[in-house]
Structure formats: C-alpha cells, structure tokens
Amino acid sequence: MYAVILHYKAPLSDMDRHVDAHRVWLREHYAAGHFLLSGPQRPRVGGLILAAAMPRAELDAILAGDAFARAGLADYQVVEFAATMTSPGLAALAEKP
C-alpha cells in the first residue's frame, strides 16, 4: 500500500481552478479500486491519498495523470508500507504475505 502526500506549490486560488478536474481523477481511481481514502490536509497545504498495493510504476503513472500534477501545482511524496494491522473493517485491505 502507499500513503501519497501532496504538497501544494501554488496559491489556493490556483489550486481551486483545477480542483474539479482533480476530483474527477480521484473518482476514476476510486472506481478502479486504486484509491482507498483521500482528503485535504488541515490547514490546506496539500492532501493525502491512501492507495492500494500495486506496482510502483503503475502508481507513478496514475499520479502523473492528476490535474494538479499536469499543471505543475503539487509535489507527490510516496511512502510505501505493508499494512500488517488494521481495524476489522479494513482487514481486507492488508497486503497478503
């Protein structure tokens, strides 16, 4: 699995011009099963996406398609991790050994 931390590089007024396209992209990847949760940081200096396990190259290609990335408005810090403990409702998301 991956925690993807977005760091905004532009004023919020610039981010807001691309947020609708960003949300379309998010919905597309939720529907495909790539994303598990997401939301803005507080204060709104970036965001966070929890992504399902997949090859890193696949995730990188997905992230490159984000409206924020295409416009050069955000940096993406990717942290890969193995979910070894979860709440009961999230147990199905843990990586298989």
Protein backbone atom coordinates (compact mmCIF):
# COMPACT_ATOMS: atom_id res chain seq x y z
CA MET A 1 0.00 0.00 0.00
CA TYR A 2 1.01 3.61 -0.34
CA ALA A 3 0.46 6.86 1.50
CA VAL A 4 0.69 9.67 -1.03
CA ILE A 5 1.22 13.10 0.48
CA LEU A 6 0.52 16.02 -1.83
CA HIS A 7 2.36 19.28 -1.19
CA TYR A 8 0.84 22.30 -2.93
CA LYS A 9 3.33 24.55 -4.74
CA ALA A 10 0.88 27.29 -5.72
CA PRO A 11 -1.63 29.58 -4.02
CA LEU A 12 -5.02 28.09 -3.21
CA SER A 13 -6.60 30.27 -5.90
CA ASP A 14 -4.54 28.33 -8.48
CA MET A 15 -5.39 25.00 -6.86
CA ASP A 16 -9.09 25.83 -6.89
CA ARG A 17 -9.03 26.34 -10.67
CA HIS A 18 -8.03 22.67 -11.05
CA VAL A 19 -9.90 21.08 -8.15
CA ASP A 20 -12.89 19.89 -10.23
CA ALA A 21 -10.60 18.01 -12.63
CA HIS A 22 -8.65 16.66 -9.63
CA ARG A 23 -11.89 15.29 -8.13
CA VAL A 24 -12.88 13.65 -11.42
CA TRP A 25 -9.46 11.94 -11.43
CA LEU A 26 -9.95 10.83 -7.80
CA ARG A 27 -13.39 9.34 -8.58
CA GLU A 28 -11.95 7.47 -11.56
CA HIS A 29 -9.32 5.83 -9.40
CA TYR A 30 -11.72 5.04 -6.56
CA ALA A 31 -13.91 3.26 -9.14
CA ALA A 32 -10.88 1.32 -10.40
CA GLY A 33 -10.01 0.26 -6.82
CA HIS A 34 -6.72 2.16 -6.78
CA PHE A 35 -7.59 4.65 -4.03
CA LEU A 36 -8.94 3.80 -0.58
CA LEU A 37 -9.28 7.22 1.06
CA SER A 38 -8.27 10.80 0.43
CA GLY A 39 -8.69 14.32 1.68
CA PRO A 40 -7.09 17.70 2.18
CA GLN A 41 -4.61 18.47 4.91
CA ARG A 42 -5.59 20.94 7.61
CA PRO A 43 -4.50 23.63 7.15
CA ARG A 44 -4.97 23.23 3.39
CA VAL A 45 -1.34 22.99 2.29
CA GLY A 46 -1.77 19.69 0.45
CA GLY A 47 -3.62 16.44 0.68
CA LEU A 48 -3.29 12.75 1.35
CA ILE A 49 -4.28 9.67 -0.64
CA LEU A 50 -4.16 6.12 0.66
CA ALA A 51 -3.59 3.91 -2.36
CA ALA A 52 -3.95 0.16 -2.72
CA ALA A 53 -0.97 -2.10 -3.30
CA MET A 54 0.16 -2.10 -6.94
CA PRO A 55 3.45 -1.90 -8.79
CA ARG A 56 5.13 1.43 -8.06
CA ALA A 57 5.37 2.26 -11.77
CA GLU A 58 1.59 1.90 -12.06
CA LEU A 59 1.07 4.30 -9.15
CA ASP A 60 3.52 6.79 -10.64
CA ALA A 61 1.61 6.71 -13.93
CA ILE A 62 -1.68 7.28 -12.10
CA LEU A 63 -0.27 10.23 -10.15
CA ALA A 64 1.11 11.79 -13.32
CA GLY A 65 -2.47 11.96 -14.63
CA ASP A 66 -3.72 14.17 -11.80
CA ALA A 67 -4.76 17.68 -12.87
CA PHE A 68 -2.54 19.12 -10.13
CA ALA A 69 0.48 17.21 -11.48
CA ARG A 70 -0.23 18.10 -15.12
CA ALA A 71 -0.41 21.79 -14.17
CA GLY A 72 2.77 21.58 -12.05
CA LEU A 73 0.88 22.64 -8.92
CA ALA A 74 1.80 19.87 -6.48
CA ASP A 75 4.63 17.57 -5.48
CA TYR A 76 3.82 13.97 -4.52
CA GLN A 77 5.66 12.23 -1.69
CA VAL A 78 5.04 8.48 -1.89
CA VAL A 79 5.54 6.26 1.15
CA GLU A 80 5.19 2.53 0.54
CA PHE A 81 4.23 0.43 3.54
CA ALA A 82 2.96 -3.03 4.41
CA ALA A 83 -0.29 -2.91 6.36
CA THR A 84 0.16 -5.61 9.00
CA MET A 85 -2.55 -4.43 11.39
CA THR A 86 -5.88 -2.79 10.62
CA SER A 87 -9.24 -2.19 12.16
CA PRO A 88 -11.69 -5.03 11.43
CA GLY A 89 -13.38 -3.02 8.68
CA LEU A 90 -10.08 -2.51 6.88
CA ALA A 91 -8.65 -6.02 7.30
CA ALA A 92 -9.36 -6.92 3.67
CA LEU A 93 -7.04 -4.12 2.55
CA ALA A 94 -3.92 -5.55 4.23
CA GLU A 95 -1.28 -6.94 1.89
CA LYS A 96 -1.12 -10.69 1.59
CA PRO A 97 2.14 -12.26 2.82
